[in-house]
Amino acid sequence: MGYHRLPRSLGTVPPQIKVQVKHRQASASVQEVRELMGLLQRDSDVGVFVSSGGFTPDAKATARSSSVHLELVDLDRFLDLWQQFYDRLPEGDKSLLPLIPVHFLDPA
């Protein structure tokens, strides 16, 4: 499946963050979203589903109407978040997807 869970007996306390990542062109389906939702405990877990191919409309609607906390992150949102928090990342992580500023002349 691609899920990784640590037992709570290892000293973890809620909330736990459970992440699923799909790097492909196809959109993540409602079934895949439901599978991750099934691992989340209401009021104590946060789910993050990252899909470079985006999500089907049904998958988005299911996540929005869910009683668990589930964030859907498509490629555009991932890149926005990467840019927003880039300055806070360790240098090793920055090298995975380096950003360089591009400057434009002010036409005024």
C-alpha atoms as a PDB file:
ATOM      1  CA  MET A   1       0.000   0.000   0.000  1.00  0.00           C
ATOM      2  CA  GLY A   2       2.600   2.586   0.901  1.00  0.00           C
ATOM      3  CA  TYR A   3       1.389   3.495   4.369  1.00  0.00           C
ATOM      4  CA  HIS A   4       3.736   3.701   7.315  1.00  0.00           C
ATOM      5  CA  ARG A   5       2.356   3.697  10.833  1.00  0.00           C
ATOM      6  CA  LEU A   6       4.147   3.619  14.133  1.00  0.00           C
ATOM      7  CA  PRO A   7       2.309   2.014  17.019  1.00  0.00           C
ATOM      8  CA  ARG A   8       1.202   4.483  19.669  1.00  0.00           C
ATOM      9  CA  SER A   9       3.074   2.387  22.225  1.00  0.00           C
ATOM     10  CA  LEU A  10       6.302   3.956  20.927  1.00  0.00           C
ATOM     11  CA  GLY A  11       5.401   7.124  22.753  1.00  0.00           C
ATOM     12  CA  THR A  12       3.613   9.003  20.009  1.00  0.00           C
ATOM     13  CA  VAL A  13       0.720  11.144  21.097  1.00  0.00           C
ATOM     14  CA  PRO A  14      -2.167  12.481  19.053  1.00  0.00           C
ATOM     15  CA  PRO A  15      -2.429  14.083  16.663  1.00  0.00           C
ATOM     16  CA  GLN A  16      -0.563  11.781  14.347  1.00  0.00           C
ATOM     17  CA  ILE A  17      -0.008  12.813  10.739  1.00  0.00           C
ATOM     18  CA  LYS A  18      -0.518  10.070   8.178  1.00  0.00           C
ATOM     19  CA  VAL A  19       0.673  10.777   4.645  1.00  0.00           C
ATOM     20  CA  GLN A  20       0.101   9.052   1.324  1.00  0.00           C
ATOM     21  CA  VAL A  21       2.013  10.132  -1.794  1.00  0.00           C
ATOM     22  CA  LYS A  22       1.203   9.181  -5.391  1.00  0.00           C
ATOM     23  CA  HIS A  23       3.555  10.393  -8.123  1.00  0.00           C
ATOM     24  CA  ARG A  24       1.849   9.667 -11.420  1.00  0.00           C
ATOM     25  CA  GLN A  25      -0.175  11.356 -14.145  1.00  0.00           C
ATOM     26  CA  ALA A  26      -3.504   9.750 -13.244  1.00  0.00           C
ATOM     27  CA  SER A  27      -5.751  11.515 -10.746  1.00  0.00           C
ATOM     28  CA  ALA A  28      -6.195   9.888  -7.347  1.00  0.00           C
ATOM     29  CA  SER A  29      -9.579   8.203  -7.108  1.00  0.00           C
ATOM     30  CA  VAL A  30     -12.293   8.404  -4.504  1.00  0.00           C
ATOM     31  CA  GLN A  31     -11.398   4.831  -3.489  1.00  0.00           C
ATOM     32  CA  GLU A  32      -7.801   5.844  -2.720  1.00  0.00           C
ATOM     33  CA  VAL A  33      -9.006   8.807  -0.664  1.00  0.00           C
ATOM     34  CA  ARG A  34     -11.401   6.542   1.257  1.00  0.00           C
ATOM     35  CA  GLU A  35      -8.577   4.086   1.978  1.00  0.00           C
ATOM     36  CA  LEU A  36      -6.535   6.819   3.656  1.00  0.00           C
ATOM     37  CA  MET A  37      -9.617   8.131   5.464  1.00  0.00           C
ATOM     38  CA  GLY A  38     -10.124   4.629   6.881  1.00  0.00           C
ATOM     39  CA  LEU A  39      -6.770   4.881   8.664  1.00  0.00           C
ATOM     40  CA  LEU A  40      -7.585   8.189  10.337  1.00  0.00           C
ATOM     41  CA  GLN A  41      -9.127   8.425  13.776  1.00  0.00           C
ATOM     42  CA  ARG A  42     -11.503  11.346  14.139  1.00  0.00           C
ATOM     43  CA  ASP A  43     -10.245  14.169  16.375  1.00  0.00           C
ATOM     44  CA  SER A  44      -6.801  12.596  16.800  1.00  0.00           C
ATOM     45  CA  ASP A  45      -5.250  12.127  13.342  1.00  0.00           C
ATOM     46  CA  VAL A  46      -4.498  14.332  10.361  1.00  0.00           C
ATOM     47  CA  GLY A  47      -4.249  12.866   6.879  1.00  0.00           C
ATOM     48  CA  VAL A  48      -2.300  14.385   4.006  1.00  0.00           C
ATOM     49  CA  PHE A  49      -2.732  12.930   0.516  1.00  0.00           C
ATOM     50  CA  VAL A  50      -0.229  14.230  -2.042  1.00  0.00           C
ATOM     51  CA  SER A  51      -0.953  13.369  -5.676  1.00  0.00           C
ATOM     52  CA  SER A  52       1.048  14.831  -8.552  1.00  0.00           C
ATOM     53  CA  GLY A  53      -1.799  13.845 -10.871  1.00  0.00           C
ATOM     54  CA  GLY A  54      -4.413  15.658  -8.817  1.00  0.00           C
ATOM     55  CA  PHE A  55      -7.710  14.229  -7.620  1.00  0.00           C
ATOM     56  CA  THR A  56     -10.946  13.252  -9.285  1.00  0.00           C
ATOM     57  CA  PRO A  57     -13.960  15.481  -8.543  1.00  0.00           C
ATOM     58  CA  ASP A  58     -15.497  12.654  -6.485  1.00  0.00           C
ATOM     59  CA  ALA A  59     -12.292  12.297  -4.462  1.00  0.00           C
ATOM     60  CA  LYS A  60     -12.311  16.027  -3.678  1.00  0.00           C
ATOM     61  CA  ALA A  61     -15.987  15.959  -2.686  1.00  0.00           C
ATOM     62  CA  THR A  62     -15.431  12.949  -0.440  1.00  0.00           C
ATOM     63  CA  ALA A  63     -12.520  14.628   1.347  1.00  0.00           C
ATOM     64  CA  ARG A  64     -14.502  17.870   1.808  1.00  0.00           C
ATOM     65  CA  SER A  65     -17.481  16.077   3.336  1.00  0.00           C
ATOM     66  CA  SER A  66     -15.391  13.815   5.563  1.00  0.00           C
ATOM     67  CA  SER A  67     -15.614  13.834   9.350  1.00  0.00           C
ATOM     68  CA  VAL A  68     -11.829  13.306   9.576  1.00  0.00           C
ATOM     69  CA  HIS A  69      -9.145  15.931   8.930  1.00  0.00           C
ATOM     70  CA  LEU A  70      -7.792  15.185   5.458  1.00  0.00           C
ATOM     71  CA  GLU A  71      -5.784  17.614   3.329  1.00  0.00           C
ATOM     72  CA  LEU A  72      -5.488  17.001  -0.414  1.00  0.00           C
ATOM     73  CA  VAL A  73      -2.324  18.351  -2.030  1.00  0.00           C
ATOM     74  CA  ASP A  74      -2.077  18.363  -5.825  1.00  0.00           C
ATOM     75  CA  LEU A  75       1.056  19.333  -7.753  1.00  0.00           C
ATOM     76  CA  ASP A  76       0.164  23.037  -7.919  1.00  0.00           C
ATOM     77  CA  ARG A  77      -0.469  23.223  -4.174  1.00  0.00           C
ATOM     78  CA  PHE A  78       2.702  21.242  -3.459  1.00  0.00           C
ATOM     79  CA  LEU A  79       4.762  23.706  -5.492  1.00  0.00           C
ATOM     80  CA  ASP A  80       3.052  26.662  -3.780  1.00  0.00           C
ATOM     81  CA  LEU A  81       3.861  25.176  -0.360  1.00  0.00           C
ATOM     82  CA  TRP A  82       7.434  24.374  -1.434  1.00  0.00           C
ATOM     83  CA  GLN A  83       7.930  27.978  -2.499  1.00  0.00           C
ATOM     84  CA  GLN A  84       6.216  29.378   0.612  1.00  0.00           C
ATOM     85  CA  PHE A  85       8.364  27.403   3.061  1.00  0.00           C
ATOM     86  CA  TYR A  86      11.548  27.105   0.968  1.00  0.00           C
ATOM     87  CA  ASP A  87      13.584  29.411   3.220  1.00  0.00           C
ATOM     88  CA  ARG A  88      12.834  27.190   6.230  1.00  0.00           C
ATOM     89  CA  LEU A  89      13.998  23.954   4.582  1.00  0.00           C
ATOM     90  CA  PRO A  90      17.360  22.342   5.356  1.00  0.00           C
ATOM     91  CA  GLU A  91      19.903  22.742   2.543  1.00  0.00           C
ATOM     92  CA  GLY A  92      19.746  19.028   1.749  1.00  0.00           C
ATOM     93  CA  ASP A  93      16.011  19.245   1.129  1.00  0.00           C
ATOM     94  CA  LYS A  94      16.382  22.397  -0.961  1.00  0.00           C
ATOM     95  CA  SER A  95      18.728  20.519  -3.286  1.00  0.00           C
ATOM     96  CA  LEU A  96      15.933  18.062  -4.125  1.00  0.00           C
ATOM     97  CA  LEU A  97      13.915  20.789  -5.829  1.00  0.00           C
ATOM     98  CA  PRO A  98      16.069  23.924  -5.992  1.00  0.00           C
ATOM     99  CA  LEU A  99      14.468  27.306  -6.613  1.00  0.00           C
ATOM    100  CA  ILE A 100      16.183  30.371  -7.984  1.00  0.00           C
ATOM    101  CA  PRO A 101      14.647  33.839  -8.036  1.00  0.00           C
ATOM    102  CA  VAL A 102      13.800  35.357 -11.395  1.00  0.00           C
ATOM    103  CA  HIS A 103      13.752  39.154 -11.494  1.00  0.00           C
ATOM    104  CA  PHE A 104      11.796  41.381 -13.868  1.00  0.00           C
ATOM    105  CA  LEU A 105      12.292  45.042 -14.664  1.00  0.00           C
ATOM    106  CA  ASP A 106       9.604  47.313 -13.318  1.00  0.00           C
ATOM    107  CA  PRO A 107       7.882  48.859 -16.375  1.00  0.00           C
ATOM    108  CA  ALA A 108       7.158  52.077 -14.440  1.00  0.00           C
END
